[in-house]
């Protein structure tokens, strides 16, 4: 009996709703792989044959546009990757690239569909995750289109500090060009705003590390847009 999914401590909430027999089926139809920063998990334009579950690390979801790459969002484990493109189309509509050391579990799409059809609680949890992700994208879209560059950068810093690292000292695993692609701005504008934040005593750079010195100011900048 293959039971590595049963004893996994970071399986999804959805997977926790499966019976022992269904967990065994999941175990027999998945493969866990390690990825380094810059490795591709999902490639835009390729056939979708697996469901990817990010067990650890961070990844960026990005789309190749007519002029430049657009980073849609940054995701933190544990979470499923590519569910809309996996079930909505046979071709991957966006890419997922690791930005921090990660482990990803690939699940055979046919086995995953069988579990959706045979377990209502499992399906319900998958739907909940899809809904949460969609709502998060709506909020990020509103921020991108309505906030000024200072507000956008404040949001990025707060998200990494509070959501991804739970610390006031961290290293953003994105270069300034990537941050620009995340917030729809140029690398030069990103550099200018970060320099302004440091001069204002809001953040401090030590090599590649960022220390947030005045989180209250960041929240105010974010709120004012």
Protein backbone atom coordinates (compact mmCIF):
# COMPACT_ATOMS: atom_id res chain seq x y z
CA UNK A 1 0.00 0.00 0.00
CA UNK A 2 1.35 3.40 -0.98
CA UNK A 3 0.47 5.77 1.88
CA UNK A 4 2.85 8.72 1.54
CA UNK A 5 -0.13 11.06 0.97
CA UNK A 6 -1.83 9.68 4.11
CA UNK A 7 1.13 10.53 6.34
CA UNK A 8 1.87 13.85 4.60
CA UNK A 9 1.58 16.72 7.11
CA UNK A 10 1.09 19.43 4.49
CA UNK A 11 -1.59 17.92 2.29
CA UNK A 12 -4.40 20.21 1.21
CA UNK A 13 -7.63 20.69 3.14
CA UNK A 14 -9.37 19.06 0.18
CA UNK A 15 -7.15 15.96 0.40
CA UNK A 16 -7.96 15.64 4.11
CA UNK A 17 -11.58 14.97 3.07
CA UNK A 18 -10.64 11.81 1.17
CA UNK A 19 -11.24 8.28 2.42
CA UNK A 20 -8.31 5.92 3.03
CA UNK A 21 -8.95 4.21 -0.31
CA UNK A 22 -9.07 7.56 -2.10
CA UNK A 23 -5.88 8.71 -0.37
CA UNK A 24 -4.19 5.54 -1.60
CA UNK A 25 -5.39 6.31 -5.13
CA UNK A 26 -3.99 9.83 -4.80
CA UNK A 27 -0.66 8.43 -3.60
CA UNK A 28 -0.47 6.05 -6.55
CA UNK A 29 -1.05 8.86 -9.04
CA UNK A 30 1.24 11.63 -7.83
CA UNK A 31 4.93 12.48 -7.92
CA UNK A 32 6.77 14.89 -5.60
CA UNK A 33 9.62 16.91 -7.14
CA UNK A 34 12.00 19.55 -5.81
CA UNK A 35 12.53 22.84 -7.66
CA UNK A 36 15.14 25.56 -7.44
CA UNK A 37 14.63 29.28 -7.94
CA UNK A 38 13.98 29.99 -11.62
CA UNK A 39 12.72 26.47 -12.42
CA UNK A 40 9.50 26.25 -14.41
CA UNK A 41 6.59 24.27 -12.95
CA UNK A 42 4.03 25.09 -15.65
CA UNK A 43 4.81 26.51 -19.09
CA UNK A 44 2.37 28.66 -21.02
CA UNK A 45 1.35 27.09 -24.32
CA UNK A 46 2.08 23.48 -23.33
CA UNK A 47 -0.40 20.65 -22.83
CA UNK A 48 -1.87 20.34 -19.34
CA UNK A 49 -1.65 16.75 -18.13
CA UNK A 50 -1.26 17.13 -14.34
CA UNK A 51 -2.58 19.07 -11.39
CA UNK A 52 0.27 20.74 -9.51
CA UNK A 53 0.18 21.21 -5.74
CA UNK A 54 2.80 23.54 -4.25
CA UNK A 55 3.84 21.92 -0.97
CA UNK A 56 6.55 24.38 0.03
CA UNK A 57 8.14 27.59 -1.22
CA UNK A 58 6.98 30.54 -3.33
CA UNK A 59 6.13 30.80 -7.02
CA UNK A 60 5.06 33.47 -9.48
CA UNK A 61 2.15 33.08 -11.89
CA UNK A 62 2.92 34.99 -15.08
CA UNK A 63 1.62 35.48 -18.62
CA UNK A 64 3.57 36.43 -21.73
CA UNK A 65 1.86 39.52 -23.18
CA UNK A 66 2.32 41.30 -26.52
CA UNK A 67 5.00 43.63 -25.10
CA UNK A 68 6.32 42.14 -21.86
CA UNK A 69 5.72 39.51 -19.21
CA UNK A 70 2.92 40.20 -16.73
CA UNK A 71 3.25 38.69 -13.27
CA UNK A 72 -0.33 38.00 -12.19
CA UNK A 73 0.37 37.14 -8.56
CA UNK A 74 2.80 35.55 -6.13
CA UNK A 75 1.61 32.37 -4.41
CA UNK A 76 2.79 30.73 -1.22
CA UNK A 77 2.57 27.06 -0.32
CA UNK A 78 0.48 25.14 0.35
CA UNK A 79 -1.76 25.75 -2.66
CA UNK A 80 -2.83 24.22 -5.93
CA UNK A 81 -1.32 25.67 -9.09
CA UNK A 82 -2.98 26.06 -12.46
CA UNK A 83 -6.43 24.67 -11.67
CA UNK A 84 -8.31 27.11 -13.95
CA UNK A 85 -6.07 26.42 -16.93
CA UNK A 86 -5.92 22.68 -16.17
CA UNK A 87 -9.69 22.22 -16.25
CA UNK A 88 -10.68 25.14 -18.46
CA UNK A 89 -8.44 24.28 -21.39
CA UNK A 90 -6.11 21.51 -22.51
CA UNK A 91 -3.40 24.13 -23.07
CA UNK A 92 -1.77 25.98 -20.18
CA UNK A 93 -2.80 29.64 -20.42
CA UNK A 94 -0.04 30.93 -18.12
CA UNK A 95 3.27 29.92 -16.60
CA UNK A 96 4.29 29.18 -13.03
CA UNK A 97 7.93 29.66 -12.04
CA UNK A 98 9.53 29.01 -8.66
CA UNK A 99 11.04 32.09 -6.99
CA UNK A 100 12.16 30.28 -3.84
CA UNK A 101 13.21 26.68 -3.19
CA UNK A 102 10.04 24.61 -3.52
CA UNK A 103 8.50 21.16 -3.59
CA UNK A 104 5.63 20.42 -5.96
CA UNK A 105 3.40 17.38 -6.09
CA UNK A 106 2.13 16.50 -9.59
CA UNK A 107 -1.18 14.62 -9.65
CA UNK A 108 -2.45 12.76 -12.71
CA UNK A 109 -5.37 14.79 -14.04
CA UNK A 110 -7.57 11.74 -14.70
CA UNK A 111 -7.17 10.52 -11.12
CA UNK A 112 -7.86 14.03 -9.83
CA UNK A 113 -11.08 14.21 -11.89
CA UNK A 114 -12.18 10.85 -10.50
CA UNK A 115 -11.73 12.16 -6.95
CA UNK A 116 -13.75 15.27 -7.78
CA UNK A 117 -16.57 13.10 -9.12
CA UNK A 118 -16.57 10.63 -6.24
CA UNK A 119 -16.14 12.90 -3.19
CA UNK A 120 -18.38 15.95 -2.72
CA UNK A 121 -16.40 17.32 0.24
CA UNK A 122 -13.18 17.16 -1.78
CA UNK A 123 -14.85 18.98 -4.68
CA UNK A 124 -16.29 21.61 -2.35
CA UNK A 125 -12.87 22.46 -0.90
CA UNK A 126 -11.39 22.77 -4.40
CA UNK A 127 -14.21 25.16 -5.36
CA UNK A 128 -13.56 27.21 -2.22
CA UNK A 129 -9.88 27.56 -3.11
CA UNK A 130 -10.74 28.63 -6.65
CA UNK A 131 -13.17 31.25 -5.30
CA UNK A 132 -10.64 32.64 -2.80
CA UNK A 133 -8.00 32.92 -5.50
CA UNK A 134 -10.42 34.66 -7.86
CA UNK A 135 -11.43 37.21 -5.21
CA UNK A 136 -7.76 37.87 -4.44
CA UNK A 137 -7.15 38.56 -8.14
CA UNK A 138 -10.06 41.02 -8.23
CA UNK A 139 -8.57 43.01 -5.33
CA UNK A 140 -5.12 43.00 -6.91
CA UNK A 141 -6.55 44.15 -10.25
CA UNK A 142 -8.29 47.08 -8.54
CA UNK A 143 -5.07 48.06 -6.76
CA UNK A 144 -3.05 47.91 -9.98
CA UNK A 145 -5.42 50.13 -11.91
CA UNK A 146 -6.32 52.64 -9.19
CA UNK A 147 -3.25 53.07 -6.98
CA UNK A 148 -0.18 55.19 -7.64
CA UNK A 149 3.24 53.59 -7.72
CA UNK A 150 3.99 54.35 -4.03
CA UNK A 151 0.80 52.59 -2.97
CA UNK A 152 1.57 49.60 -5.17
CA UNK A 153 5.09 49.19 -3.74
CA UNK A 154 3.75 49.54 -0.21
CA UNK A 155 1.33 46.69 -0.96
CA UNK A 156 4.17 44.48 -2.25
CA UNK A 157 6.31 45.10 0.83
CA UNK A 158 3.40 44.48 3.20
CA UNK A 159 2.40 41.28 1.41
CA UNK A 160 5.91 39.81 1.63
CA UNK A 161 6.26 40.91 5.25
CA UNK A 162 2.86 39.80 6.55
CA UNK A 163 1.65 37.05 4.22
CA UNK A 164 4.77 35.33 2.91
CA UNK A 165 7.43 35.67 5.62
CA UNK A 166 5.64 36.90 8.75
CA UNK A 167 8.66 39.06 9.53
CA UNK A 168 9.78 42.67 9.32
CA UNK A 169 13.11 41.56 7.86
CA UNK A 170 13.16 39.61 4.61
CA UNK A 171 14.62 39.33 1.12
CA UNK A 172 12.20 39.78 -1.76
CA UNK A 173 12.97 36.93 -4.19
CA UNK A 174 12.19 39.21 -7.14
CA UNK A 175 14.43 41.67 -8.94
CA UNK A 176 13.22 45.20 -9.64
CA UNK A 177 12.16 44.31 -13.16
CA UNK A 178 9.97 41.50 -11.79
CA UNK A 179 8.43 43.86 -9.24
CA UNK A 180 7.70 46.24 -12.10
CA UNK A 181 5.96 43.44 -14.01
CA UNK A 182 3.96 42.66 -10.87
CA UNK A 183 2.68 46.22 -10.36
CA UNK A 184 2.64 47.47 -13.98
CA UNK A 185 5.55 49.88 -13.68
CA UNK A 186 9.11 50.35 -14.91
CA UNK A 187 12.24 49.13 -13.16
CA UNK A 188 13.38 52.74 -12.85
CA UNK A 189 10.19 53.72 -11.03
CA UNK A 190 10.54 50.78 -8.64
CA UNK A 191 14.13 51.79 -7.84
CA UNK A 192 13.12 55.42 -7.28
CA UNK A 193 10.27 54.58 -4.88
CA UNK A 194 12.34 52.10 -2.86
CA UNK A 195 15.08 54.76 -2.54
CA UNK A 196 12.47 57.28 -1.39
CA UNK A 197 11.14 54.85 1.21
CA UNK A 198 14.64 54.33 2.56
CA UNK A 199 15.35 58.08 2.72
CA UNK A 200 12.04 58.58 4.55
CA UNK A 201 13.06 56.01 7.17
CA UNK A 202 10.31 53.57 6.21
CA UNK A 203 12.61 50.73 5.17
CA UNK A 204 16.30 49.91 5.41
CA UNK A 205 18.45 47.94 2.98
CA UNK A 206 21.26 45.67 4.20
CA UNK A 207 22.61 44.04 1.07
CA UNK A 208 19.59 42.31 -0.46
CA UNK A 209 17.65 42.26 2.81
CA UNK A 210 14.88 44.73 3.53
CA UNK A 211 13.93 45.76 7.05
CA UNK A 212 10.63 47.53 7.58
CA UNK A 213 11.23 50.31 10.08
CA UNK A 214 7.85 52.01 9.94
CA UNK A 215 5.04 49.62 9.01
CA UNK A 216 2.41 52.19 10.02
CA UNK A 217 3.63 54.48 7.24
CA UNK A 218 3.44 51.65 4.73
CA UNK A 219 -0.17 50.97 5.71
CA UNK A 220 -0.99 54.67 5.31
CA UNK A 221 0.66 54.83 1.89
CA UNK A 222 -1.21 51.69 0.85
CA UNK A 223 -4.55 53.04 2.09
CA UNK A 224 -4.09 56.40 0.38
CA UNK A 225 -3.06 54.76 -2.88
